[in-house]
Amino acid sequence: MVKGLKARGNITVNIDWENGKLVKLSLTPATDKAFVVRYGDKEIKVSPTAGKEIIIGSDFILK
C-alpha cells in the first residue's frame, strides 16, 4: 500500500497493490478541476468535487 502521494493538480493518491496489480486507487482532489487517470492501456476522465474521495477498483471502474 502507498499512502499520501501528491499528484499533479494537488490530488492526494492512495494505492493498494497485490501481486503487482491494482486492487484499489483512492484519489482526493483539492479542486473541482477535471483530470484523466491512466493505468496500462485504460483511461478514465474524472470530474471531481473538491475534497470528495474517488475510488477506482481493480476493474478500473469508478466506484
Foldseek 3Di string as FASTA:
>chain_A
DDFQDADPQRKGWDFDDDPRATAKIKIAHQDQDWDWDDDDPDIDIDRDHHRDIWMAGRVRDTD
